[in-house]
Amino acid sequence: MATPASLAPALLFDEQAETSVTNVIVHPLVLLHVLDHHTRRQEESGRVIGTLLGRRDGNTVEVTNCFAVPHAERGEEVAIGKDFNKRMLSLYMRSNRRESVVGWYASAASGTGPNATASPLIADTSSLIHEFYAGETDENDPVHLVVDTRLVADQLSIRAYKSTQVVVQGESVGSLFHEVRLALKSNEPETICLNEMIKSQTNALAAGKESKEDEIVGSDASGALLVSMKKLFALVESTLEYVDSVVDGKVTADPEVGRQLADTLASVPRIRPDVFDTLFHDSLQDLLMVTYLSNITRTQIAFAEKLNSSLGAE
């Protein structure tokens, strides 16, 4: 039995109140993946679930990535693709060992008929899925992220929950889901991507999806790369000025800053200039090729939309 905190008064023992999760930070990549997963679901599927990856620091969980997990729900029974989850997790750990399982996500179950928006955010089988992910996390305290895809009042809401066992007379009778504080956070690459997506949509609406859209998107992407390089150059110049000031005796040396600079320099691989130039130009050519292919794909989609609209008009 899974019940929101406001609906089930019961004798509750929270023995991990000091170490339980109180704050959840979500990156935009996670939300885009959940929405894409929900959009691609089978028609008879009520909701989709997946594994959340990230880091935990005390009472705060930062969700940075996720992947979909197949499942099936029939009444009060649920089947989870445990082998699939294990294989996908091992693949993700190869690319980023700093991430670990911090919980699971779900889209809101879709209702049918006139009560299509009356389905609860927390389903009855959520407690069973939560128990599975409790064994997958290091702290045995997973978070549950719910993306409300019901679009009530044309709004997309996001909520995070933690679960506590409801104990009556020494016997566990179910789970109580408490909503915790949630915040959205994006790093610099994610911010650039979001800005490009917003600009692309704005330019498409303003230009009426004309052929000029490709040129606008290409120039915006080049501008974003130029801004990033200017910021990086400014940081390097500021660091050089600080080091010169310390060497000349104008500024008192800070041991902590010195250790951080030493760690940063040690992390930079030693590559000969000619090898670096080759790697840079190869990567630049790959980037240009991906940009070219994306522009071709965008043009084909525009043609397809116009053909579909023309055939529909006929």
Protein backbone atom coordinates (compact mmCIF):
# COMPACT_ATOMS: atom_id res chain seq x y z
CA MET A 1 0.00 0.00 0.00
CA ALA A 2 1.40 3.35 -1.01
CA THR A 3 -0.23 6.44 0.48
CA PRO A 4 0.54 10.17 0.35
CA ALA A 5 1.46 11.64 3.73
CA SER A 6 -1.71 13.74 3.99
CA LEU A 7 -4.13 10.80 3.69
CA ALA A 8 -3.04 8.07 6.12
CA PRO A 9 -2.71 8.84 9.84
CA ALA A 10 -0.90 5.95 11.52
CA LEU A 11 1.71 5.16 14.16
CA LEU A 12 4.95 6.13 12.46
CA PHE A 13 8.55 5.46 13.50
CA ASP A 14 11.17 7.36 11.56
CA GLU A 15 14.46 6.07 12.94
CA GLN A 16 16.55 7.69 10.18
CA ALA A 17 15.18 11.24 10.47
CA GLU A 18 18.65 12.77 10.81
CA THR A 19 20.12 11.02 7.77
CA SER A 20 17.10 10.82 5.48
CA VAL A 21 16.83 12.85 2.30
CA THR A 22 15.43 16.37 2.66
CA ASN A 23 16.53 18.02 -0.61
CA VAL A 24 16.57 16.76 -4.19
CA ILE A 25 18.34 18.54 -7.07
CA VAL A 26 17.41 17.51 -10.62
CA HIS A 27 19.26 18.33 -13.84
CA PRO A 28 17.37 19.12 -17.08
CA LEU A 29 18.76 16.04 -18.84
CA VAL A 30 16.80 13.83 -16.46
CA LEU A 31 13.50 15.58 -17.14
CA LEU A 32 14.01 15.46 -20.90
CA HIS A 33 14.74 11.73 -20.71
CA VAL A 34 11.63 11.04 -18.62
CA LEU A 35 9.43 12.98 -21.02
CA ASP A 36 10.96 11.22 -24.02
CA HIS A 37 10.45 7.84 -22.35
CA HIS A 38 6.82 8.65 -21.57
CA THR A 39 6.17 9.86 -25.13
CA ARG A 40 7.58 6.64 -26.63
CA ARG A 41 5.68 4.29 -24.31
CA GLN A 42 3.22 1.73 -25.63
CA GLU A 43 -0.38 2.88 -25.86
CA GLU A 44 -1.62 0.42 -23.24
CA SER A 45 1.08 1.41 -20.74
CA GLY A 46 -0.21 3.58 -17.92
CA ARG A 47 3.15 4.95 -16.82
CA VAL A 48 6.88 4.42 -17.28
CA ILE A 49 9.63 3.97 -14.71
CA GLY A 50 13.41 4.14 -14.69
CA THR A 51 16.54 4.33 -12.55
CA LEU A 52 17.92 7.63 -11.27
CA LEU A 53 21.69 8.12 -11.14
CA GLY A 54 23.58 10.81 -9.28
CA ARG A 55 25.34 11.63 -6.05
CA ARG A 56 24.31 11.94 -2.42
CA ASP A 57 25.85 14.42 0.00
CA GLY A 58 24.34 14.09 3.46
CA ASN A 59 20.65 14.98 3.23
CA THR A 60 20.88 16.22 -0.38
CA VAL A 61 20.56 14.06 -3.49
CA GLU A 62 21.65 15.42 -6.88
CA VAL A 63 20.15 13.55 -9.83
CA THR A 64 22.35 13.93 -12.92
CA ASN A 65 21.34 11.03 -15.18
CA CYS A 66 18.82 8.23 -15.61
CA PHE A 67 17.81 5.34 -17.84
CA ALA A 68 14.55 3.57 -18.59
CA VAL A 69 13.64 0.20 -17.08
CA PRO A 70 10.92 -2.06 -18.52
CA HIS A 71 8.13 -3.06 -16.17
CA ALA A 72 4.57 -4.38 -16.18
CA GLU A 73 1.75 -3.70 -13.73
CA ARG A 74 -1.37 -5.79 -13.28
CA GLY A 75 -3.58 -4.80 -10.40
CA GLU A 76 -1.48 -4.94 -7.23
CA GLU A 77 1.32 -6.91 -8.90
CA VAL A 78 4.35 -5.43 -10.61
CA ALA A 79 7.23 -6.99 -12.58
CA ILE A 80 10.51 -5.11 -13.02
CA GLY A 81 13.24 -5.88 -15.55
CA LYS A 82 15.92 -6.55 -12.93
CA ASP A 83 18.40 -8.12 -15.37
CA PHE A 84 18.00 -5.20 -17.77
CA ASN A 85 18.53 -2.73 -14.92
CA LYS A 86 21.69 -4.57 -13.86
CA ARG A 87 23.16 -4.59 -17.37
CA MET A 88 22.38 -0.93 -18.00
CA LEU A 89 23.83 0.07 -14.64
CA SER A 90 27.09 -1.75 -15.37
CA LEU A 91 27.38 0.07 -18.71
CA TYR A 92 26.77 3.46 -17.10
CA MET A 93 29.33 2.72 -14.38
CA ARG A 94 31.99 2.17 -17.05
CA SER A 95 31.57 5.73 -18.34
CA ASN A 96 31.04 7.50 -15.02
CA ARG A 97 32.00 5.77 -11.78
CA ARG A 98 31.12 8.83 -9.72
CA GLU A 99 27.42 8.24 -10.28
CA SER A 100 25.42 5.69 -8.32
CA VAL A 101 21.79 4.68 -7.98
CA VAL A 102 19.91 7.28 -5.91
CA GLY A 103 16.31 6.31 -6.65
CA TRP A 104 13.77 5.86 -9.43
CA TYR A 105 11.44 7.94 -11.54
CA ALA A 106 7.92 7.48 -12.85
CA SER A 107 5.52 9.39 -15.01
CA ALA A 108 1.99 9.91 -13.74
CA ALA A 109 -0.34 7.04 -14.57
CA SER A 110 -2.65 7.99 -17.41
CA GLY A 111 -6.36 7.69 -16.68
CA THR A 112 -9.12 7.04 -19.16
CA GLY A 113 -12.47 8.65 -19.83
CA PRO A 114 -13.75 11.75 -18.02
CA ASN A 115 -11.50 11.00 -15.01
CA ALA A 116 -8.30 10.95 -17.07
CA THR A 117 -6.68 13.55 -14.80
CA ALA A 118 -7.88 12.02 -11.53
CA SER A 119 -5.28 9.25 -11.36
CA PRO A 120 -2.95 9.60 -8.33
CA LEU A 121 0.71 10.55 -8.61
CA ILE A 122 1.62 7.71 -6.24
CA ALA A 123 0.22 4.38 -7.45
CA ASP A 124 -0.54 1.44 -5.18
CA THR A 125 2.39 -0.51 -6.66
CA SER A 126 4.86 2.31 -6.00
CA SER A 127 5.77 0.84 -2.60
CA LEU A 128 6.81 -2.45 -4.24
CA ILE A 129 9.03 -0.67 -6.76
CA HIS A 130 10.44 1.51 -3.98
CA GLU A 131 11.41 -1.60 -1.99
CA PHE A 132 13.34 -2.91 -4.99
CA TYR A 133 15.30 0.33 -5.36
CA ALA A 134 15.96 0.44 -1.62
CA GLY A 135 18.17 -2.59 -2.21
CA GLU A 136 19.89 -0.92 -5.17
CA THR A 137 20.98 2.25 -3.36
CA ASP A 138 23.95 2.52 -0.99
CA GLU A 139 21.95 4.22 1.78
CA ASN A 140 18.80 2.07 1.43
CA ASP A 141 16.92 5.37 1.17
CA PRO A 142 15.97 5.97 -2.49
CA VAL A 143 14.14 9.03 -3.75
CA HIS A 144 11.10 8.81 -5.96
CA LEU A 145 10.77 11.41 -8.72
CA VAL A 146 7.33 11.82 -10.27
CA VAL A 147 6.81 13.83 -13.46
CA ASP A 148 3.13 14.72 -13.75
CA THR A 149 2.47 14.07 -17.43
CA ARG A 150 -1.30 14.41 -17.02
CA LEU A 151 -0.93 18.11 -17.95
CA VAL A 152 -3.54 19.28 -15.49
CA ALA A 153 -4.38 22.91 -16.36
CA ASP A 154 -1.75 22.65 -19.11
CA GLN A 155 1.06 22.52 -16.54
CA LEU A 156 3.88 20.02 -16.12
CA SER A 157 4.71 19.54 -12.44
CA ILE A 158 7.63 17.64 -10.90
CA ARG A 159 7.69 16.24 -7.39
CA ALA A 160 10.14 14.25 -5.29
CA TYR A 161 9.25 11.85 -2.51
CA LYS A 162 10.89 9.73 0.15
CA SER A 163 9.28 6.73 1.76
CA THR A 164 8.86 5.70 5.40
CA GLN A 165 7.48 2.43 6.68
CA VAL A 166 4.14 2.64 8.50
CA VAL A 167 4.29 0.43 11.59
CA VAL A 168 1.24 -0.45 13.67
CA GLN A 169 1.80 -2.55 16.79
CA GLY A 170 5.23 -3.59 15.59
CA GLU A 171 4.07 -4.74 12.17
CA SER A 172 4.73 -2.97 8.88
CA VAL A 173 1.47 -2.31 7.07
CA GLY A 174 2.64 -0.16 4.17
CA SER A 175 4.69 2.80 3.01
CA LEU A 176 4.09 6.49 3.54
CA PHE A 177 5.49 8.80 0.85
CA HIS A 178 6.59 12.26 2.03
CA GLU A 179 7.19 15.04 -0.46
CA VAL A 180 10.63 16.67 -0.13
CA ARG A 181 12.03 19.94 -1.44
CA LEU A 182 13.00 19.84 -5.09
CA ALA A 183 15.13 22.24 -7.12
CA LEU A 184 16.28 22.35 -10.73
CA LYS A 185 19.96 22.89 -11.49
CA SER A 186 21.85 23.05 -14.77
CA ASN A 187 25.57 23.24 -15.43
CA GLU A 188 27.09 25.38 -18.17
CA PRO A 189 26.78 22.84 -21.03
CA GLU A 190 23.17 22.11 -20.10
CA THR A 191 22.40 25.83 -19.92
CA ILE A 192 23.82 26.33 -23.41
CA CYS A 193 21.74 23.44 -24.77
CA LEU A 194 18.56 24.73 -23.14
CA ASN A 195 19.16 28.21 -24.50
CA GLU A 196 19.69 26.77 -27.97
CA MET A 197 16.47 24.77 -27.73
CA ILE A 198 14.51 27.86 -26.66
CA LYS A 199 16.09 29.97 -29.40
CA SER A 200 15.37 27.31 -32.00
CA GLN A 201 11.72 27.14 -30.99
CA THR A 202 11.41 30.93 -30.93
CA ASN A 203 13.08 31.30 -34.31
CA ALA A 204 10.88 28.57 -35.80
CA LEU A 205 7.71 30.26 -34.61
CA ALA A 206 8.84 33.70 -35.72
CA ALA A 207 10.00 32.60 -39.15
CA GLY A 208 7.04 30.33 -39.77
CA LYS A 209 9.37 27.30 -40.03
CA GLU A 210 11.00 28.62 -43.17
CA SER A 211 14.32 27.48 -44.55
CA LYS A 212 16.15 30.29 -42.75
CA GLU A 213 15.88 28.34 -39.49
CA ASP A 214 18.96 26.23 -40.26
CA GLU A 215 21.18 29.28 -40.70
CA ILE A 216 19.88 30.86 -37.48
CA VAL A 217 20.51 27.71 -35.44
CA GLY A 218 24.00 27.30 -36.90
CA SER A 219 25.00 30.89 -36.09
CA ASP A 220 23.61 30.58 -32.53
CA ALA A 221 25.61 27.39 -31.93
CA SER A 222 28.81 29.07 -33.11
CA GLY A 223 28.07 32.05 -30.86
CA ALA A 224 27.58 29.81 -27.82
CA LEU A 225 30.91 28.07 -28.49
CA LEU A 226 32.63 31.44 -28.83
CA VAL A 227 31.19 32.64 -25.50
CA SER A 228 32.41 29.47 -23.76
CA MET A 229 35.92 29.88 -25.17
CA LYS A 230 36.03 33.54 -24.08
CA LYS A 231 35.02 32.56 -20.54
CA LEU A 232 37.73 29.88 -20.47
CA PHE A 233 40.34 32.34 -21.73
CA ALA A 234 39.32 34.90 -19.08
CA LEU A 235 39.70 32.28 -16.31
CA VAL A 236 43.20 31.35 -17.55
CA GLU A 237 44.22 35.02 -17.70
CA SER A 238 42.94 35.59 -14.14
CA THR A 239 44.90 32.57 -12.90
CA LEU A 240 48.11 33.76 -14.59
CA GLU A 241 47.74 37.23 -13.04
CA TYR A 242 47.35 35.68 -9.59
CA VAL A 243 50.43 33.47 -10.01
CA ASP A 244 52.52 36.40 -11.27
CA SER A 245 51.39 38.52 -8.30
CA VAL A 246 52.42 35.79 -5.84
CA VAL A 247 55.81 35.33 -7.52
CA ASP A 248 56.45 39.11 -7.43
CA GLY A 249 55.47 39.29 -3.76
CA LYS A 250 52.46 41.54 -4.35
CA VAL A 251 49.97 38.98 -2.98
CA THR A 252 50.36 36.60 -0.05
CA ALA A 253 50.42 33.00 -1.20
CA ASP A 254 47.43 30.83 -0.22
CA PRO A 255 48.47 27.17 0.31
CA GLU A 256 44.96 25.90 -0.47
CA VAL A 257 44.83 27.76 -3.79
CA GLY A 258 48.32 26.47 -4.60
CA ARG A 259 47.26 22.88 -3.97
CA GLN A 260 44.20 23.31 -6.19
CA LEU A 261 46.33 24.77 -8.99
CA ALA A 262 48.81 21.90 -8.65
CA ASP A 263 45.99 19.31 -8.80
CA THR A 264 44.54 21.05 -11.85
CA LEU A 265 47.87 21.07 -13.70
CA ALA A 266 48.51 17.45 -12.75
CA SER A 267 45.16 16.42 -14.24
CA VAL A 268 46.06 17.91 -17.64
CA PRO A 269 47.60 15.19 -19.85
CA ARG A 270 51.02 15.87 -21.34
CA ILE A 271 50.58 15.93 -25.10
CA ARG A 272 52.99 17.20 -27.71
CA PRO A 273 51.74 20.28 -29.61
CA ASP A 274 51.57 18.46 -32.93
CA VAL A 275 49.58 15.59 -31.41
CA PHE A 276 47.22 18.06 -29.71
CA ASP A 277 46.65 19.91 -32.99
CA THR A 278 45.78 16.63 -34.71
CA LEU A 279 43.34 15.63 -31.98
CA PHE A 280 41.74 19.08 -31.94
CA HIS A 281 41.23 19.25 -35.69
CA ASP A 282 39.87 15.68 -35.80
CA SER A 283 37.36 16.53 -33.05
CA LEU A 284 36.45 19.76 -34.83
CA GLN A 285 35.78 17.86 -38.05
CA ASP A 286 33.59 15.39 -36.15
CA LEU A 287 31.66 18.29 -34.62
CA LEU A 288 31.14 19.91 -38.00
CA MET A 289 29.97 16.59 -39.44
CA VAL A 290 27.44 16.12 -36.61
CA THR A 291 26.21 19.70 -37.13
CA TYR A 292 25.87 19.08 -40.86
CA LEU A 293 23.92 15.85 -40.31
CA SER A 294 21.65 17.52 -37.75
CA ASN A 295 20.87 20.31 -40.21
CA ILE A 296 20.02 17.74 -42.89
CA THR A 297 17.76 15.91 -40.45
CA ARG A 298 16.06 19.16 -39.47
CA THR A 299 15.44 19.98 -43.15
CA GLN A 300 13.97 16.52 -43.80
CA ILE A 301 11.65 16.90 -40.83
CA ALA A 302 10.49 20.29 -42.11
CA PHE A 303 9.78 18.77 -45.54
CA ALA A 304 7.90 15.88 -43.93
CA GLU A 305 5.75 18.26 -41.88
CA LYS A 306 4.85 20.30 -44.96
CA LEU A 307 4.02 17.15 -46.94
CA ASN A 308 1.85 15.82 -44.14
CA SER A 309 0.04 19.14 -43.82
CA SER A 310 -0.51 19.25 -47.60
CA LEU A 311 -1.85 15.69 -47.71
CA GLY A 312 -4.05 16.39 -44.71
CA ALA A 313 -5.47 19.50 -46.38
CA GLU A 314 -6.39 17.49 -49.45
